[in-house]
Amino acid sequence: MADKSGKVEHYDKRFGIIAIEKGYIAPEDLIDGLKTQVEEDIRNNAHRLIGEILVEKGRMTLSQVNDVVAEIFSG
């Protein structure tokens, strides 16, 4: 969702864009992680954040996830 200023407010999208910009993942990695997230949500599994999914898939390290999250909350 975007607010009136055009800022993206949805955590997962912001997380993914920042992770790509930092060179931690490729766009395809984000798409794969989001597919997993949606499939789990459809199956009524507990909702997981995209960072957790990308770490589980070996696409990001916990340190990289923490770096992205720190940037989200610093700005």
PDB file of N, CA and C in Angstrom:
ATOM      1  N   MET A   1       0.833  -1.178   0.000  1.00  0.00           N
ATOM      2  CA  MET A   1       0.000   0.000   0.000  1.00  0.00           C
ATOM      3  C   MET A   1       0.879   1.243   0.000  1.00  0.00           C
ATOM      4  N   ALA A   2       0.433   2.260  -0.661  1.00  0.00           N
ATOM      5  CA  ALA A   2       1.168   3.519  -0.664  1.00  0.00           C
ATOM      6  C   ALA A   2       0.299   4.588  -0.017  1.00  0.00           C
ATOM      7  N   ASP A   3       0.948   5.472   0.733  1.00  0.00           N
ATOM      8  CA  ASP A   3       0.181   6.569   1.306  1.00  0.00           C
ATOM      9  C   ASP A   3       0.122   7.710   0.290  1.00  0.00           C
ATOM     10  N   LYS A   4      -0.450   8.847   0.679  1.00  0.00           N
ATOM     11  CA  LYS A   4      -0.638   9.944  -0.270  1.00  0.00           C
ATOM     12  C   LYS A   4       0.672  10.521  -0.775  1.00  0.00           C
ATOM     13  N   SER A   5       1.752  10.346  -0.028  1.00  0.00           N
ATOM     14  CA  SER A   5       3.047  10.861  -0.469  1.00  0.00           C
ATOM     15  C   SER A   5       3.716   9.928  -1.463  1.00  0.00           C
ATOM     16  N   GLY A   6       3.130   8.737  -1.651  1.00  0.00           N
ATOM     17  CA  GLY A   6       3.708   7.754  -2.560  1.00  0.00           C
ATOM     18  C   GLY A   6       4.685   6.812  -1.884  1.00  0.00           C
ATOM     19  N   LYS A   7       4.915   6.999  -0.574  1.00  0.00           N
ATOM     20  CA  LYS A   7       5.827   6.115   0.137  1.00  0.00           C
ATOM     21  C   LYS A   7       5.220   4.730   0.271  1.00  0.00           C
ATOM     22  N   VAL A   8       6.019   3.731   0.102  1.00  0.00           N
ATOM     23  CA  VAL A   8       5.562   2.359   0.288  1.00  0.00           C
ATOM     24  C   VAL A   8       5.582   2.058   1.778  1.00  0.00           C
ATOM     25  N   GLU A   9       4.443   1.640   2.306  1.00  0.00           N
ATOM     26  CA  GLU A   9       4.334   1.398   3.734  1.00  0.00           C
ATOM     27  C   GLU A   9       4.374  -0.087   4.102  1.00  0.00           C
ATOM     28  N   HIS A  10       4.275  -0.950   3.145  1.00  0.00           N
ATOM     29  CA  HIS A  10       4.242  -2.389   3.434  1.00  0.00           C
ATOM     30  C   HIS A  10       5.653  -2.874   3.715  1.00  0.00           C
ATOM     31  N   TYR A  11       5.871  -3.442   4.907  1.00  0.00           N
ATOM     32  CA  TYR A  11       7.197  -3.851   5.366  1.00  0.00           C
ATOM     33  C   TYR A  11       7.907  -4.759   4.369  1.00  0.00           C
ATOM     34  N   ASP A  12       7.242  -5.809   3.885  1.00  0.00           N
ATOM     35  CA  ASP A  12       7.912  -6.780   3.031  1.00  0.00           C
ATOM     36  C   ASP A  12       8.457  -6.141   1.764  1.00  0.00           C
ATOM     37  N   LYS A  13       7.662  -5.272   1.128  1.00  0.00           N
ATOM     38  CA  LYS A  13       8.127  -4.639  -0.094  1.00  0.00           C
ATOM     39  C   LYS A  13       9.307  -3.727   0.216  1.00  0.00           C
ATOM     40  N   ARG A  14       9.212  -2.945   1.246  1.00  0.00           N
ATOM     41  CA  ARG A  14      10.333  -2.081   1.613  1.00  0.00           C
ATOM     42  C   ARG A  14      11.558  -2.920   1.923  1.00  0.00           C
ATOM     43  N   PHE A  15      11.374  -3.979   2.677  1.00  0.00           N
ATOM     44  CA  PHE A  15      12.490  -4.845   3.028  1.00  0.00           C
ATOM     45  C   PHE A  15      13.157  -5.373   1.768  1.00  0.00           C
ATOM     46  N   GLY A  16      12.346  -5.894   0.861  1.00  0.00           N
ATOM     47  CA  GLY A  16      12.890  -6.498  -0.358  1.00  0.00           C
ATOM     48  C   GLY A  16      13.622  -5.504  -1.232  1.00  0.00           C
ATOM     49  N   ILE A  17      13.061  -4.318  -1.400  1.00  0.00           N
ATOM     50  CA  ILE A  17      13.694  -3.299  -2.234  1.00  0.00           C
ATOM     51  C   ILE A  17      15.041  -2.889  -1.639  1.00  0.00           C
ATOM     52  N   ILE A  18      15.081  -2.679  -0.340  1.00  0.00           N
ATOM     53  CA  ILE A  18      16.340  -2.303   0.312  1.00  0.00           C
ATOM     54  C   ILE A  18      17.363  -3.422   0.183  1.00  0.00           C
ATOM     55  N   ALA A  19      16.934  -4.665   0.380  1.00  0.00           N
ATOM     56  CA  ALA A  19      17.859  -5.799   0.268  1.00  0.00           C
ATOM     57  C   ALA A  19      18.438  -5.902  -1.141  1.00  0.00           C
ATOM     58  N   ILE A  20      17.627  -5.631  -2.144  1.00  0.00           N
ATOM     59  CA  ILE A  20      18.117  -5.641  -3.532  1.00  0.00           C
ATOM     60  C   ILE A  20      19.096  -4.489  -3.745  1.00  0.00           C
ATOM     61  N   GLU A  21      18.713  -3.288  -3.287  1.00  0.00           N
ATOM     62  CA  GLU A  21      19.582  -2.117  -3.460  1.00  0.00           C
ATOM     63  C   GLU A  21      20.940  -2.309  -2.798  1.00  0.00           C
ATOM     64  N   LYS A  22      20.980  -3.015  -1.677  1.00  0.00           N
ATOM     65  CA  LYS A  22      22.232  -3.272  -0.968  1.00  0.00           C
ATOM     66  C   LYS A  22      23.032  -4.409  -1.616  1.00  0.00           C
ATOM     67  N   GLY A  23      22.442  -5.085  -2.580  1.00  0.00           N
ATOM     68  CA  GLY A  23      23.134  -6.168  -3.259  1.00  0.00           C
ATOM     69  C   GLY A  23      23.103  -7.487  -2.512  1.00  0.00           C
ATOM     70  N   TYR A  24      22.235  -7.583  -1.500  1.00  0.00           N
ATOM     71  CA  TYR A  24      22.151  -8.814  -0.719  1.00  0.00           C
ATOM     72  C   TYR A  24      21.409  -9.911  -1.466  1.00  0.00           C
ATOM     73  N   ILE A  25      20.425  -9.535  -2.250  1.00  0.00           N
ATOM     74  CA  ILE A  25      19.646 -10.510  -3.016  1.00  0.00           C
ATOM     75  C   ILE A  25      19.393  -9.969  -4.412  1.00  0.00           C
ATOM     76  N   ALA A  26      19.022 -10.869  -5.301  1.00  0.00           N
ATOM     77  CA  ALA A  26      18.601 -10.507  -6.650  1.00  0.00           C
ATOM     78  C   ALA A  26      17.075 -10.389  -6.653  1.00  0.00           C
ATOM     79  N   PRO A  27      16.529  -9.675  -7.618  1.00  0.00           N
ATOM     80  CA  PRO A  27      15.065  -9.585  -7.694  1.00  0.00           C
ATOM     81  C   PRO A  27      14.385 -10.954  -7.694  1.00  0.00           C
ATOM     82  N   GLU A  28      15.003 -11.923  -8.334  1.00  0.00           N
ATOM     83  CA  GLU A  28      14.425 -13.267  -8.393  1.00  0.00           C
ATOM     84  C   GLU A  28      14.342 -13.900  -7.011  1.00  0.00           C
ATOM     85  N   ASP A  29      15.314 -13.583  -6.147  1.00  0.00           N
ATOM     86  CA  ASP A  29      15.288 -14.099  -4.772  1.00  0.00           C
ATOM     87  C   ASP A  29      14.085 -13.542  -4.014  1.00  0.00           C
ATOM     88  N   LEU A  30      13.830 -12.247  -4.205  1.00  0.00           N
ATOM     89  CA  LEU A  30      12.687 -11.622  -3.548  1.00  0.00           C
ATOM     90  C   LEU A  30      11.383 -12.243  -4.044  1.00  0.00           C
ATOM     91  N   ILE A  31      11.266 -12.416  -5.335  1.00  0.00           N
ATOM     92  CA  ILE A  31      10.053 -13.011  -5.908  1.00  0.00           C
ATOM     93  C   ILE A  31       9.840 -14.413  -5.341  1.00  0.00           C
ATOM     94  N   ASP A  32      10.896 -15.197  -5.278  1.00  0.00           N
ATOM     95  CA  ASP A  32      10.786 -16.557  -4.739  1.00  0.00           C
ATOM     96  C   ASP A  32      10.361 -16.531  -3.274  1.00  0.00           C
ATOM     97  N   GLY A  33      10.954 -15.626  -2.499  1.00  0.00           N
ATOM     98  CA  GLY A  33      10.591 -15.519  -1.092  1.00  0.00           C
ATOM     99  C   GLY A  33       9.150 -15.078  -0.897  1.00  0.00           C
ATOM    100  N   LEU A  34       8.708 -14.123  -1.713  1.00  0.00           N
ATOM    101  CA  LEU A  34       7.327 -13.659  -1.610  1.00  0.00           C
ATOM    102  C   LEU A  34       6.343 -14.746  -2.022  1.00  0.00           C
ATOM    103  N   LYS A  35       6.711 -15.542  -3.031  1.00  0.00           N
ATOM    104  CA  LYS A  35       5.847 -16.673  -3.413  1.00  0.00           C
ATOM    105  C   LYS A  35       5.688 -17.631  -2.246  1.00  0.00           C
ATOM    106  N   THR A  36       6.794 -17.931  -1.583  1.00  0.00           N
ATOM    107  CA  THR A  36       6.739 -18.819  -0.418  1.00  0.00           C
ATOM    108  C   THR A  36       5.844 -18.228   0.655  1.00  0.00           C
ATOM    109  N   GLN A  37       6.002 -16.928   0.906  1.00  0.00           N
ATOM    110  CA  GLN A  37       5.206 -16.259   1.930  1.00  0.00           C
ATOM    111  C   GLN A  37       3.712 -16.339   1.617  1.00  0.00           C
ATOM    112  N   VAL A  38       3.348 -16.073   0.377  1.00  0.00           N
ATOM    113  CA  VAL A  38       1.934 -16.117  -0.021  1.00  0.00           C
ATOM    114  C   VAL A  38       1.392 -17.536   0.062  1.00  0.00           C
ATOM    115  N   GLU A  39       2.177 -18.523  -0.409  1.00  0.00           N
ATOM    116  CA  GLU A  39       1.730 -19.914  -0.352  1.00  0.00           C
ATOM    117  C   GLU A  39       1.475 -20.330   1.097  1.00  0.00           C
ATOM    118  N   GLU A  40       2.363 -19.935   2.004  1.00  0.00           N
ATOM    119  CA  GLU A  40       2.172 -20.271   3.416  1.00  0.00           C
ATOM    120  C   GLU A  40       0.928 -19.582   3.971  1.00  0.00           C
ATOM    121  N   ASP A  41       0.731 -18.325   3.593  1.00  0.00           N
ATOM    122  CA  ASP A  41      -0.451 -17.594   4.065  1.00  0.00           C
ATOM    123  C   ASP A  41      -1.737 -18.254   3.568  1.00  0.00           C
ATOM    124  N   ILE A  42      -1.744 -18.679   2.317  1.00  0.00           N
ATOM    125  CA  ILE A  42      -2.924 -19.332   1.743  1.00  0.00           C
ATOM    126  C   ILE A  42      -3.237 -20.629   2.487  1.00  0.00           C
ATOM    127  N   ARG A  43      -2.196 -21.337   2.905  1.00  0.00           N
ATOM    128  CA  ARG A  43      -2.382 -22.588   3.641  1.00  0.00           C
ATOM    129  C   ARG A  43      -2.681 -22.350   5.122  1.00  0.00           C
ATOM    130  N   ASN A  44      -2.863 -21.089   5.487  1.00  0.00           N
ATOM    131  CA  ASN A  44      -3.143 -20.704   6.875  1.00  0.00           C
ATOM    132  C   ASN A  44      -2.027 -21.063   7.835  1.00  0.00           C
ATOM    133  N   ASN A  45      -0.807 -21.127   7.324  1.00  0.00           N
ATOM    134  CA  ASN A  45       0.351 -21.297   8.202  1.00  0.00           C
ATOM    135  C   ASN A  45       0.593 -19.966   8.906  1.00  0.00           C
ATOM    136  N   ALA A  46       1.368 -19.989   9.958  1.00  0.00           N
ATOM    137  CA  ALA A  46       1.715 -18.745  10.652  1.00  0.00           C
ATOM    138  C   ALA A  46       2.449 -17.829   9.670  1.00  0.00           C
ATOM    139  N   HIS A  47       2.062 -16.546   9.661  1.00  0.00           N
ATOM    140  CA  HIS A  47       2.698 -15.585   8.760  1.00  0.00           C
ATOM    141  C   HIS A  47       4.147 -15.373   9.176  1.00  0.00           C
ATOM    142  N   ARG A  48       5.045 -15.473   8.189  1.00  0.00           N
ATOM    143  CA  ARG A  48       6.464 -15.227   8.454  1.00  0.00           C
ATOM    144  C   ARG A  48       6.916 -14.014   7.656  1.00  0.00           C
ATOM    145  N   LEU A  49       7.833 -13.261   8.233  1.00  0.00           N
ATOM    146  CA  LEU A  49       8.394 -12.114   7.541  1.00  0.00           C
ATOM    147  C   LEU A  49       9.329 -12.579   6.432  1.00  0.00           C
ATOM    148  N   ILE A  50       9.436 -11.759   5.407  1.00  0.00           N
ATOM    149  CA  ILE A  50      10.231 -12.135   4.237  1.00  0.00           C
ATOM    150  C   ILE A  50      11.706 -12.368   4.606  1.00  0.00           C
ATOM    151  N   GLY A  51      12.223 -11.608   5.547  1.00  0.00           N
ATOM    152  CA  GLY A  51      13.616 -11.802   5.962  1.00  0.00           C
ATOM    153  C   GLY A  51      13.854 -13.194   6.527  1.00  0.00           C
ATOM    154  N   GLU A  52      12.919 -13.656   7.327  1.00  0.00           N
ATOM    155  CA  GLU A  52      13.029 -15.007   7.899  1.00  0.00           C
ATOM    156  C   GLU A  52      13.033 -16.060   6.793  1.00  0.00           C
ATOM    157  N   ILE A  53      12.181 -15.876   5.821  1.00  0.00           N
ATOM    158  CA  ILE A  53      12.099 -16.826   4.706  1.00  0.00           C
ATOM    159  C   ILE A  53      13.398 -16.820   3.905  1.00  0.00           C
ATOM    160  N   LEU A  54      13.932 -15.636   3.633  1.00  0.00           N
ATOM    161  CA  LEU A  54      15.155 -15.544   2.835  1.00  0.00           C
ATOM    162  C   LEU A  54      16.357 -16.133   3.568  1.00  0.00           C
ATOM    163  N   VAL A  55      16.393 -16.002   4.886  1.00  0.00           N
ATOM    164  CA  VAL A  55      17.461 -16.635   5.661  1.00  0.00           C
ATOM    165  C   VAL A  55      17.316 -18.155   5.588  1.00  0.00           C
ATOM    166  N   GLU A  56      16.093 -18.648   5.762  1.00  0.00           N
ATOM    167  CA  GLU A  56      15.858 -20.094   5.704  1.00  0.00           C
ATOM    168  C   GLU A  56      16.268 -20.671   4.350  1.00  0.00           C
ATOM    169  N   LYS A  57      16.028 -19.916   3.284  1.00  0.00           N
ATOM    170  CA  LYS A  57      16.372 -20.375   1.941  1.00  0.00           C
ATOM    171  C   LYS A  57      17.857 -20.196   1.617  1.00  0.00           C
ATOM    172  N   GLY A  58      18.607 -19.592   2.542  1.00  0.00           N
ATOM    173  CA  GLY A  58      20.034 -19.395   2.319  1.00  0.00           C
ATOM    174  C   GLY A  58      20.345 -18.238   1.380  1.00  0.00           C
ATOM    175  N   ARG A  59      19.380 -17.352   1.171  1.00  0.00           N
ATOM    176  CA  ARG A  59      19.580 -16.218   0.266  1.00  0.00           C
ATOM    177  C   ARG A  59      20.158 -15.003   0.974  1.00  0.00           C
ATOM    178  N   MET A  60      19.948 -14.924   2.301  1.00  0.00           N
ATOM    179  CA  MET A  60      20.483 -13.829   3.106  1.00  0.00           C
ATOM    180  C   MET A  60      20.996 -14.395   4.421  1.00  0.00           C
ATOM    181  N   THR A  61      21.912 -13.637   5.046  1.00  0.00           N
ATOM    182  CA  THR A  61      22.368 -13.988   6.381  1.00  0.00           C
ATOM    183  C   THR A  61      21.547 -13.190   7.392  1.00  0.00           C
ATOM    184  N   LEU A  62      21.579 -13.626   8.631  1.00  0.00           N
ATOM    185  CA  LEU A  62      20.886 -12.902   9.686  1.00  0.00           C
ATOM    186  C   LEU A  62      21.464 -11.493   9.836  1.00  0.00           C
ATOM    187  N   SER A  63      22.756 -11.362   9.664  1.00  0.00           N
ATOM    188  CA  SER A  63      23.400 -10.055   9.744  1.00  0.00           C
ATOM    189  C   SER A  63      22.875  -9.116   8.646  1.00  0.00           C
ATOM    190  N   GLN A  64      22.690  -9.638   7.447  1.00  0.00           N
ATOM    191  CA  GLN A  64      22.145  -8.831   6.352  1.00  0.00           C
ATOM    192  C   GLN A  64      20.705  -8.416   6.644  1.00  0.00           C
ATOM    193  N   VAL A  65      19.912  -9.335   7.166  1.00  0.00           N
ATOM    194  CA  VAL A  65      18.528  -9.022   7.526  1.00  0.00           C
ATOM    195  C   VAL A  65      18.514  -7.909   8.566  1.00  0.00           C
ATOM    196  N   ASN A  66      19.351  -8.034   9.575  1.00  0.00           N
ATOM    197  CA  ASN A  66      19.408  -7.010  10.627  1.00  0.00           C
ATOM    198  C   ASN A  66      19.825  -5.658  10.063  1.00  0.00           C
ATOM    199  N   ASP A  67      20.734  -5.654   9.094  1.00  0.00           N
ATOM    200  CA  ASP A  67      21.167  -4.417   8.465  1.00  0.00           C
ATOM    201  C   ASP A  67      20.004  -3.742   7.724  1.00  0.00           C
ATOM    202  N   VAL A  68      19.232  -4.534   6.994  1.00  0.00           N
ATOM    203  CA  VAL A  68      18.085  -3.999   6.264  1.00  0.00           C
ATOM    204  C   VAL A  68      17.041  -3.459   7.234  1.00  0.00           C
ATOM    205  N   VAL A  69      16.739  -4.218   8.271  1.00  0.00           N
ATOM    206  CA  VAL A  69      15.745  -3.792   9.256  1.00  0.00           C
ATOM    207  C   VAL A  69      16.203  -2.501   9.932  1.00  0.00           C
ATOM    208  N   ALA A  70      17.484  -2.410  10.261  1.00  0.00           N
ATOM    209  CA  ALA A  70      18.010  -1.186  10.885  1.00  0.00           C
ATOM    210  C   ALA A  70      17.810   0.011   9.965  1.00  0.00           C
ATOM    211  N   GLU A  71      18.011  -0.179   8.665  1.00  0.00           N
ATOM    212  CA  GLU A  71      17.808   0.923   7.729  1.00  0.00           C
ATOM    213  C   GLU A  71      16.337   1.318   7.655  1.00  0.00           C
ATOM    214  N   ILE A  72      15.443   0.342   7.666  1.00  0.00           N
ATOM    215  CA  ILE A  72      14.010   0.627   7.612  1.00  0.00           C
ATOM    216  C   ILE A  72      13.606   1.511   8.797  1.00  0.00           C
ATOM    217  N   PHE A  73      14.069   1.151   9.967  1.00  0.00           N
ATOM    218  CA  PHE A  73      13.641   1.852  11.172  1.00  0.00           C
ATOM    219  C   PHE A  73      14.448   3.101  11.483  1.00  0.00           C
ATOM    220  N   SER A  74      15.526   3.337  10.734  1.00  0.00           N
ATOM    221  CA  SER A  74      16.305   4.551  10.963  1.00  0.00           C
ATOM    222  C   SER A  74      15.800   5.703  10.095  1.00  0.00           C
ATOM    223  N   GLY A  75      15.037   5.365   9.053  1.00  0.00           N
ATOM    224  CA  GLY A  75      14.638   6.410   8.128  1.00  0.00           C
ATOM    225  C   GLY A  75      13.227   6.735   8.161  1.00  0.00           C
TER     226      GLY A  75
END
